[in-house]
Amino acid sequence: MNNASAKRRPSLLERISGPKAAPLSTLVKKGEAAAMRVQEGFGDFLGQRIRELTDARLRLAGAPSWEKFYAVVMDLRGSAAMAGRTSLVAVCHSLETLIKEHVRDARSAAVAGSHIDALLLLSSPRQTDDQGADRLIGELEQAVARLPRKTAS
């Protein structure tokens, strides 16, 4: 038996079947506890990622900077999804579209800055209501749509 298969975690079916079966309710409680830990620690993580994006925003002139910026956006997007922060996910998705599909120039950097401002606003304790967040996200998406698209290489 190789080392990879020796360390394989049992599937959910294996965990609830057989002589060593754990009750499904116990597994659900463990999952809920893990989700709570993610949500409790998300605020610190969010603050750190927004600081990184804010610092990186000033260096978006170079191609490597955009790639690092993109990596932070993707990290934040996945974590926001796990924490159930849909408005943050939507802003990150819009920013991802900007980075992947549009020309990376001074205008794009300015629109990226608007996305970071939106992340700051939506992450604050006095965040805007859902309707305001939806309107803000729609305006960001419109700004991205007005940027020139990359040409096929």
N, C-alpha and C. Protein backbone atom coordinates (compact mmCIF):
# COMPACT_ATOMS: atom_id res chain seq x y z
N MET A 1 0.85 -1.17 0.00
CA MET A 1 0.00 0.00 0.00
C MET A 1 0.90 1.24 0.00
N ASN A 2 0.63 2.15 -0.91
CA ASN A 2 1.48 3.34 -0.95
C ASN A 2 1.06 4.35 0.11
N ASN A 3 1.90 5.33 0.33
CA ASN A 3 1.72 6.32 1.39
C ASN A 3 0.46 7.16 1.19
N ALA A 4 0.12 7.49 -0.07
CA ALA A 4 -1.04 8.33 -0.35
C ALA A 4 -2.34 7.64 0.06
N SER A 5 -2.47 6.34 -0.27
CA SER A 5 -3.71 5.64 0.07
C SER A 5 -3.79 5.34 1.57
N ALA A 6 -2.65 5.25 2.24
CA ALA A 6 -2.65 4.99 3.68
C ALA A 6 -3.20 6.19 4.46
N LYS A 7 -3.05 7.39 3.91
CA LYS A 7 -3.51 8.59 4.61
C LYS A 7 -4.86 9.10 4.10
N ARG A 8 -5.52 8.34 3.23
CA ARG A 8 -6.80 8.77 2.67
C ARG A 8 -7.84 8.89 3.77
N ARG A 9 -8.56 9.99 3.71
CA ARG A 9 -9.64 10.18 4.68
C ARG A 9 -10.85 9.37 4.27
N PRO A 10 -11.56 8.81 5.23
CA PRO A 10 -12.74 8.03 4.86
C PRO A 10 -13.84 8.93 4.27
N SER A 11 -14.58 8.38 3.32
CA SER A 11 -15.68 9.12 2.71
C SER A 11 -16.82 9.25 3.73
N LEU A 12 -17.78 10.09 3.40
CA LEU A 12 -18.94 10.27 4.28
C LEU A 12 -19.69 8.94 4.42
N LEU A 13 -19.84 8.20 3.33
CA LEU A 13 -20.52 6.91 3.38
C LEU A 13 -19.79 5.96 4.32
N GLU A 14 -18.45 5.95 4.24
CA GLU A 14 -17.67 5.08 5.13
C GLU A 14 -17.81 5.53 6.59
N ARG A 15 -17.94 6.81 6.80
CA ARG A 15 -18.04 7.31 8.18
C ARG A 15 -19.37 6.96 8.84
N ILE A 16 -20.43 6.81 8.04
CA ILE A 16 -21.74 6.52 8.63
C ILE A 16 -22.13 5.05 8.49
N SER A 17 -21.22 4.22 7.95
CA SER A 17 -21.49 2.79 7.76
C SER A 17 -20.50 1.95 8.55
N GLY A 18 -20.86 0.73 8.81
CA GLY A 18 -19.94 -0.23 9.43
C GLY A 18 -19.88 -0.14 10.93
N PRO A 19 -18.99 -0.96 11.51
CA PRO A 19 -18.92 -1.05 12.98
C PRO A 19 -18.40 0.22 13.65
N LYS A 20 -17.62 1.03 12.95
CA LYS A 20 -17.09 2.26 13.54
C LYS A 20 -17.89 3.48 13.09
N ALA A 21 -19.13 3.27 12.72
CA ALA A 21 -19.96 4.34 12.17
C ALA A 21 -20.23 5.44 13.19
N ALA A 22 -20.15 6.65 12.72
CA ALA A 22 -20.52 7.80 13.54
C ALA A 22 -21.93 8.21 13.13
N PRO A 23 -22.76 8.58 14.09
CA PRO A 23 -24.11 9.03 13.73
C PRO A 23 -24.03 10.26 12.82
N LEU A 24 -24.90 10.33 11.85
CA LEU A 24 -24.92 11.45 10.91
C LEU A 24 -25.10 12.77 11.65
N SER A 25 -25.90 12.77 12.70
CA SER A 25 -26.12 14.00 13.47
C SER A 25 -24.81 14.52 14.08
N THR A 26 -23.93 13.60 14.49
CA THR A 26 -22.63 13.99 15.04
C THR A 26 -21.78 14.65 13.96
N LEU A 27 -21.80 14.06 12.77
CA LEU A 27 -21.02 14.64 11.66
C LEU A 27 -21.57 16.01 11.26
N VAL A 28 -22.88 16.15 11.28
CA VAL A 28 -23.49 17.45 10.96
C VAL A 28 -23.07 18.50 11.99
N LYS A 29 -23.08 18.12 13.27
CA LYS A 29 -22.65 19.04 14.33
C LYS A 29 -21.19 19.45 14.15
N LYS A 30 -20.34 18.51 13.78
CA LYS A 30 -18.93 18.83 13.54
C LYS A 30 -18.80 19.79 12.36
N GLY A 31 -19.59 19.57 11.32
CA GLY A 31 -19.58 20.46 10.16
C GLY A 31 -20.04 21.86 10.52
N GLU A 32 -21.10 21.94 11.32
CA GLU A 32 -21.59 23.24 11.75
C GLU A 32 -20.56 23.97 12.61
N ALA A 33 -19.88 23.24 13.48
CA ALA A 33 -18.84 23.85 14.31
C ALA A 33 -17.69 24.37 13.45
N ALA A 34 -17.31 23.60 12.43
CA ALA A 34 -16.24 24.04 11.53
C ALA A 34 -16.66 25.30 10.77
N ALA A 35 -17.91 25.34 10.32
CA ALA A 35 -18.42 26.51 9.61
C ALA A 35 -18.42 27.75 10.52
N MET A 36 -18.76 27.57 11.78
CA MET A 36 -18.74 28.69 12.73
C MET A 36 -17.32 29.22 12.93
N ARG A 37 -16.34 28.31 13.01
CA ARG A 37 -14.95 28.73 13.15
C ARG A 37 -14.50 29.55 11.94
N VAL A 38 -14.92 29.12 10.75
CA VAL A 38 -14.58 29.87 9.53
C VAL A 38 -15.19 31.26 9.60
N GLN A 39 -16.45 31.35 9.98
CA GLN A 39 -17.12 32.64 10.03
C GLN A 39 -16.53 33.55 11.10
N GLU A 40 -16.15 32.99 12.24
CA GLU A 40 -15.57 33.79 13.32
C GLU A 40 -14.21 34.36 12.93
N GLY A 41 -13.41 33.58 12.24
CA GLY A 41 -12.08 34.03 11.85
C GLY A 41 -12.06 34.80 10.54
N PHE A 42 -13.18 34.87 9.85
CA PHE A 42 -13.21 35.49 8.53
C PHE A 42 -12.93 36.99 8.60
N GLY A 43 -13.38 37.65 9.63
CA GLY A 43 -13.17 39.10 9.74
C GLY A 43 -11.69 39.47 9.72
N ASP A 44 -10.88 38.75 10.48
CA ASP A 44 -9.44 39.01 10.49
C ASP A 44 -8.82 38.71 9.13
N PHE A 45 -9.21 37.60 8.55
CA PHE A 45 -8.72 37.21 7.24
C PHE A 45 -9.11 38.26 6.20
N LEU A 46 -10.36 38.70 6.25
CA LEU A 46 -10.85 39.71 5.31
C LEU A 46 -10.05 41.00 5.42
N GLY A 47 -9.82 41.45 6.63
CA GLY A 47 -9.04 42.67 6.84
C GLY A 47 -7.64 42.55 6.28
N GLN A 48 -7.02 41.40 6.49
CA GLN A 48 -5.67 41.17 5.97
C GLN A 48 -5.66 41.20 4.45
N ARG A 49 -6.61 40.52 3.81
CA ARG A 49 -6.65 40.48 2.34
C ARG A 49 -6.95 41.86 1.76
N ILE A 50 -7.83 42.61 2.38
CA ILE A 50 -8.13 43.95 1.87
C ILE A 50 -6.90 44.84 1.98
N ARG A 51 -6.15 44.71 3.07
CA ARG A 51 -4.90 45.48 3.20
C ARG A 51 -3.92 45.11 2.09
N GLU A 52 -3.82 43.82 1.79
CA GLU A 52 -2.94 43.38 0.70
C GLU A 52 -3.38 43.96 -0.64
N LEU A 53 -4.69 43.95 -0.89
CA LEU A 53 -5.20 44.50 -2.15
C LEU A 53 -4.97 46.01 -2.21
N THR A 54 -5.15 46.69 -1.09
CA THR A 54 -4.94 48.13 -1.05
C THR A 54 -3.48 48.47 -1.35
N ASP A 55 -2.57 47.71 -0.76
CA ASP A 55 -1.14 47.93 -1.02
C ASP A 55 -0.81 47.61 -2.48
N ALA A 56 -1.36 46.53 -2.99
CA ALA A 56 -1.06 46.10 -4.36
C ALA A 56 -1.65 47.04 -5.39
N ARG A 57 -2.72 47.72 -5.05
CA ARG A 57 -3.40 48.62 -5.99
C ARG A 57 -2.46 49.70 -6.49
N LEU A 58 -1.50 50.09 -5.68
CA LEU A 58 -0.57 51.14 -6.07
C LEU A 58 0.49 50.65 -7.04
N ARG A 59 0.61 49.32 -7.20
CA ARG A 59 1.65 48.75 -8.05
C ARG A 59 1.09 48.02 -9.26
N LEU A 60 -0.11 48.35 -9.69
CA LEU A 60 -0.75 47.60 -10.77
C LEU A 60 -0.21 47.92 -12.16
N ALA A 61 0.82 48.68 -12.28
CA ALA A 61 1.37 49.01 -13.60
C ALA A 61 2.09 47.81 -14.21
N GLY A 62 2.68 46.95 -13.40
CA GLY A 62 3.46 45.83 -13.93
C GLY A 62 2.66 44.54 -13.98
N ALA A 63 2.95 43.71 -14.97
CA ALA A 63 2.23 42.44 -15.14
C ALA A 63 2.33 41.52 -13.93
N PRO A 64 3.52 41.35 -13.30
CA PRO A 64 3.56 40.47 -12.13
C PRO A 64 2.66 40.97 -11.00
N SER A 65 2.51 42.27 -10.88
CA SER A 65 1.64 42.81 -9.84
C SER A 65 0.19 42.39 -10.06
N TRP A 66 -0.26 42.41 -11.30
CA TRP A 66 -1.63 41.99 -11.60
C TRP A 66 -1.82 40.51 -11.24
N GLU A 67 -0.82 39.68 -11.49
CA GLU A 67 -0.95 38.26 -11.19
C GLU A 67 -1.04 38.02 -9.68
N LYS A 68 -0.23 38.73 -8.91
CA LYS A 68 -0.30 38.62 -7.45
C LYS A 68 -1.65 39.14 -6.95
N PHE A 69 -2.09 40.24 -7.52
CA PHE A 69 -3.38 40.84 -7.18
C PHE A 69 -4.50 39.82 -7.43
N TYR A 70 -4.44 39.18 -8.59
CA TYR A 70 -5.44 38.18 -8.96
C TYR A 70 -5.47 37.03 -7.95
N ALA A 71 -4.30 36.57 -7.52
CA ALA A 71 -4.23 35.46 -6.56
C ALA A 71 -4.91 35.84 -5.24
N VAL A 72 -4.71 37.07 -4.79
CA VAL A 72 -5.35 37.51 -3.54
C VAL A 72 -6.86 37.60 -3.73
N VAL A 73 -7.30 38.10 -4.89
CA VAL A 73 -8.74 38.20 -5.18
C VAL A 73 -9.38 36.81 -5.16
N MET A 74 -8.73 35.84 -5.79
CA MET A 74 -9.28 34.49 -5.82
C MET A 74 -9.34 33.87 -4.42
N ASP A 75 -8.32 34.11 -3.62
CA ASP A 75 -8.29 33.61 -2.25
C ASP A 75 -9.44 34.22 -1.45
N LEU A 76 -9.61 35.52 -1.60
CA LEU A 76 -10.68 36.22 -0.88
C LEU A 76 -12.05 35.74 -1.36
N ARG A 77 -12.20 35.56 -2.65
CA ARG A 77 -13.49 35.12 -3.19
C ARG A 77 -13.89 33.76 -2.63
N GLY A 78 -12.96 32.81 -2.61
CA GLY A 78 -13.27 31.48 -2.08
C GLY A 78 -13.60 31.51 -0.60
N SER A 79 -12.85 32.28 0.15
CA SER A 79 -13.10 32.37 1.60
C SER A 79 -14.41 33.08 1.89
N ALA A 80 -14.72 34.12 1.12
CA ALA A 80 -15.99 34.83 1.30
C ALA A 80 -17.17 33.90 1.01
N ALA A 81 -17.02 33.06 0.00
CA ALA A 81 -18.08 32.09 -0.32
C ALA A 81 -18.27 31.12 0.84
N MET A 82 -17.17 30.63 1.41
CA MET A 82 -17.27 29.70 2.54
C MET A 82 -17.91 30.36 3.74
N ALA A 83 -17.69 31.67 3.90
CA ALA A 83 -18.25 32.39 5.05
C ALA A 83 -19.66 32.91 4.77
N GLY A 84 -20.18 32.67 3.57
CA GLY A 84 -21.53 33.09 3.24
C GLY A 84 -21.67 34.58 2.98
N ARG A 85 -20.62 35.25 2.59
CA ARG A 85 -20.64 36.69 2.33
C ARG A 85 -20.83 36.94 0.83
N THR A 86 -22.06 36.80 0.38
CA THR A 86 -22.36 36.83 -1.06
C THR A 86 -22.03 38.16 -1.72
N SER A 87 -22.19 39.27 -1.02
CA SER A 87 -21.87 40.56 -1.64
C SER A 87 -20.36 40.68 -1.90
N LEU A 88 -19.55 40.15 -0.99
CA LEU A 88 -18.11 40.17 -1.20
C LEU A 88 -17.72 39.25 -2.35
N VAL A 89 -18.38 38.10 -2.45
CA VAL A 89 -18.13 37.18 -3.56
C VAL A 89 -18.44 37.87 -4.89
N ALA A 90 -19.54 38.60 -4.95
CA ALA A 90 -19.93 39.28 -6.19
C ALA A 90 -18.91 40.34 -6.59
N VAL A 91 -18.41 41.10 -5.62
CA VAL A 91 -17.39 42.11 -5.92
C VAL A 91 -16.12 41.43 -6.43
N CYS A 92 -15.71 40.36 -5.78
CA CYS A 92 -14.52 39.62 -6.21
C CYS A 92 -14.71 39.03 -7.60
N HIS A 93 -15.91 38.54 -7.89
CA HIS A 93 -16.18 37.99 -9.22
C HIS A 93 -16.06 39.08 -10.29
N SER A 94 -16.59 40.25 -10.00
CA SER A 94 -16.48 41.36 -10.94
C SER A 94 -15.01 41.75 -11.15
N LEU A 95 -14.26 41.77 -10.08
CA LEU A 95 -12.83 42.09 -10.15
C LEU A 95 -12.07 41.01 -10.91
N GLU A 96 -12.45 39.77 -10.72
CA GLU A 96 -11.84 38.67 -11.46
C GLU A 96 -12.10 38.83 -12.97
N THR A 97 -13.31 39.21 -13.34
CA THR A 97 -13.64 39.44 -14.74
C THR A 97 -12.78 40.55 -15.31
N LEU A 98 -12.61 41.63 -14.56
CA LEU A 98 -11.76 42.74 -14.99
C LEU A 98 -10.34 42.22 -15.29
N ILE A 99 -9.78 41.47 -14.39
CA ILE A 99 -8.40 41.02 -14.52
C ILE A 99 -8.24 40.03 -15.67
N LYS A 100 -9.17 39.11 -15.81
CA LYS A 100 -9.02 38.05 -16.81
C LYS A 100 -9.39 38.49 -18.23
N GLU A 101 -10.39 39.37 -18.36
CA GLU A 101 -10.95 39.62 -19.68
C GLU A 101 -10.66 41.00 -20.26
N HIS A 102 -10.12 41.90 -19.46
CA HIS A 102 -9.96 43.28 -19.93
C HIS A 102 -8.50 43.71 -19.93
N VAL A 103 -8.24 44.74 -20.74
CA VAL A 103 -6.89 45.29 -20.85
C VAL A 103 -6.49 45.83 -19.48
N ARG A 104 -5.26 45.56 -19.10
CA ARG A 104 -4.73 46.01 -17.81
C ARG A 104 -3.99 47.32 -18.03
N ASP A 105 -4.68 48.41 -17.78
CA ASP A 105 -4.08 49.74 -17.97
C ASP A 105 -4.47 50.63 -16.80
N ALA A 106 -4.23 51.92 -16.94
CA ALA A 106 -4.52 52.86 -15.85
C ALA A 106 -6.01 52.90 -15.52
N ARG A 107 -6.85 52.82 -16.55
CA ARG A 107 -8.30 52.82 -16.29
C ARG A 107 -8.71 51.57 -15.53
N SER A 108 -8.14 50.43 -15.92
CA SER A 108 -8.45 49.18 -15.22
C SER A 108 -7.99 49.25 -13.77
N ALA A 109 -6.83 49.85 -13.55
CA ALA A 109 -6.32 50.00 -12.18
C ALA A 109 -7.26 50.87 -11.36
N ALA A 110 -7.81 51.93 -11.98
CA ALA A 110 -8.76 52.80 -11.26
C ALA A 110 -10.04 52.05 -10.92
N VAL A 111 -10.54 51.24 -11.86
CA VAL A 111 -11.75 50.45 -11.60
C VAL A 111 -11.46 49.38 -10.54
N ALA A 112 -10.27 48.80 -10.57
CA ALA A 112 -9.88 47.85 -9.53
C ALA A 112 -9.89 48.54 -8.17
N GLY A 113 -9.42 49.79 -8.14
CA GLY A 113 -9.45 50.55 -6.89
C GLY A 113 -10.86 50.76 -6.38
N SER A 114 -11.80 50.97 -7.29
CA SER A 114 -13.22 51.11 -6.89
C SER A 114 -13.73 49.81 -6.28
N HIS A 115 -13.28 48.70 -6.81
CA HIS A 115 -13.68 47.40 -6.25
C HIS A 115 -13.13 47.25 -4.83
N ILE A 116 -11.91 47.68 -4.62
CA ILE A 116 -11.32 47.58 -3.27
C ILE A 116 -12.09 48.48 -2.32
N ASP A 117 -12.45 49.68 -2.77
CA ASP A 117 -13.27 50.57 -1.94
C ASP A 117 -14.60 49.90 -1.58
N ALA A 118 -15.19 49.20 -2.55
CA ALA A 118 -16.45 48.50 -2.29
C ALA A 118 -16.25 47.38 -1.28
N LEU A 119 -15.14 46.66 -1.39
CA LEU A 119 -14.85 45.60 -0.40
C LEU A 119 -14.73 46.19 1.00
N LEU A 120 -14.06 47.35 1.08
CA LEU A 120 -13.95 48.02 2.39
C LEU A 120 -15.31 48.41 2.93
N LEU A 121 -16.15 48.98 2.07
CA LEU A 121 -17.49 49.39 2.48
C LEU A 121 -18.33 48.20 2.93
N LEU A 122 -18.32 47.14 2.13
CA LEU A 122 -19.16 45.98 2.42
C LEU A 122 -18.65 45.15 3.60
N SER A 123 -17.39 45.34 3.96
CA SER A 123 -16.84 44.59 5.10
C SER A 123 -16.93 45.36 6.40
N SER A 124 -17.32 46.61 6.34
CA SER A 124 -17.38 47.41 7.56
C SER A 124 -18.57 46.98 8.42
N PRO A 125 -18.47 47.23 9.73
CA PRO A 125 -19.58 46.86 10.62
C PRO A 125 -20.89 47.54 10.23
N ARG A 126 -20.79 48.73 9.64
CA ARG A 126 -22.00 49.46 9.22
C ARG A 126 -22.21 49.30 7.73
N GLN A 127 -22.07 48.08 7.25
CA GLN A 127 -22.18 47.84 5.82
C GLN A 127 -23.55 48.23 5.30
N THR A 128 -23.60 48.51 4.02
CA THR A 128 -24.83 48.94 3.37
C THR A 128 -25.86 47.80 3.36
N ASP A 129 -27.12 48.13 3.17
CA ASP A 129 -28.17 47.11 3.12
C ASP A 129 -28.04 46.30 1.82
N ASP A 130 -28.81 45.21 1.72
CA ASP A 130 -28.72 44.33 0.56
C ASP A 130 -29.03 45.06 -0.74
N GLN A 131 -30.02 45.93 -0.72
CA GLN A 131 -30.39 46.67 -1.92
C GLN A 131 -29.26 47.61 -2.34
N GLY A 132 -28.65 48.28 -1.37
CA GLY A 132 -27.52 49.15 -1.66
C GLY A 132 -26.32 48.37 -2.16
N ALA A 133 -26.09 47.19 -1.58
CA ALA A 133 -24.97 46.35 -2.01
C ALA A 133 -25.20 45.88 -3.45
N ASP A 134 -26.43 45.50 -3.77
CA ASP A 134 -26.75 45.06 -5.13
C ASP A 134 -26.54 46.20 -6.13
N ARG A 135 -26.94 47.39 -5.76
CA ARG A 135 -26.76 48.55 -6.64
C ARG A 135 -25.27 48.83 -6.85
N LEU A 136 -24.50 48.77 -5.78
CA LEU A 136 -23.06 49.00 -5.85
C LEU A 136 -22.39 47.95 -6.74
N ILE A 137 -22.75 46.71 -6.57
CA ILE A 137 -22.18 45.62 -7.38
C ILE A 137 -22.54 45.82 -8.85
N GLY A 138 -23.77 46.20 -9.11
CA GLY A 138 -24.20 46.47 -10.49
C GLY A 138 -23.39 47.59 -11.13
N GLU A 139 -23.11 48.64 -10.37
CA GLU A 139 -22.31 49.76 -10.89
C GLU A 139 -20.87 49.33 -11.17
N LEU A 140 -20.31 48.48 -10.31
CA LEU A 140 -18.96 47.97 -10.55
C LEU A 140 -18.92 47.12 -11.82
N GLU A 141 -19.93 46.27 -11.99
CA GLU A 141 -19.98 45.44 -13.19
C GLU A 141 -20.12 46.29 -14.45
N GLN A 142 -20.88 47.39 -14.38
CA GLN A 142 -21.00 48.30 -15.52
C GLN A 142 -19.66 48.97 -15.83
N ALA A 143 -18.94 49.36 -14.80
CA ALA A 143 -17.63 49.99 -15.00
C ALA A 143 -16.68 49.01 -15.69
N VAL A 144 -16.70 47.76 -15.26
CA VAL A 144 -15.84 46.74 -15.88
C VAL A 144 -16.25 46.54 -17.34
N ALA A 145 -17.54 46.48 -17.61
CA ALA A 145 -18.03 46.25 -18.97
C ALA A 145 -17.61 47.36 -19.93
N ARG A 146 -17.36 48.56 -19.43
CA ARG A 146 -16.96 49.69 -20.27
C ARG A 146 -15.47 49.71 -20.59
N LEU A 147 -14.71 48.87 -19.94
CA LEU A 147 -13.26 48.81 -20.21
C LEU A 147 -13.00 48.04 -21.49
N PRO A 148 -11.93 48.38 -22.20
CA PRO A 148 -11.60 47.62 -23.42
C PRO A 148 -11.23 46.18 -23.08
N ARG A 149 -11.71 45.27 -23.90
CA ARG A 149 -11.41 43.84 -23.71
C ARG A 149 -10.07 43.51 -24.31
N LYS A 150 -9.45 42.46 -23.76
CA LYS A 150 -8.21 41.97 -24.33
C LYS A 150 -8.49 41.43 -25.73
N THR A 151 -7.53 41.57 -26.59
CA THR A 151 -7.66 40.99 -27.92
C THR A 151 -7.15 39.56 -27.88
N ALA A 152 -7.70 38.73 -28.70
CA ALA A 152 -7.28 37.32 -28.75
C ALA A 152 -5.84 37.26 -29.26
N SER A 153 -5.00 36.49 -28.57
CA SER A 153 -3.61 36.40 -29.00
C SER A 153 -3.36 35.19 -29.84
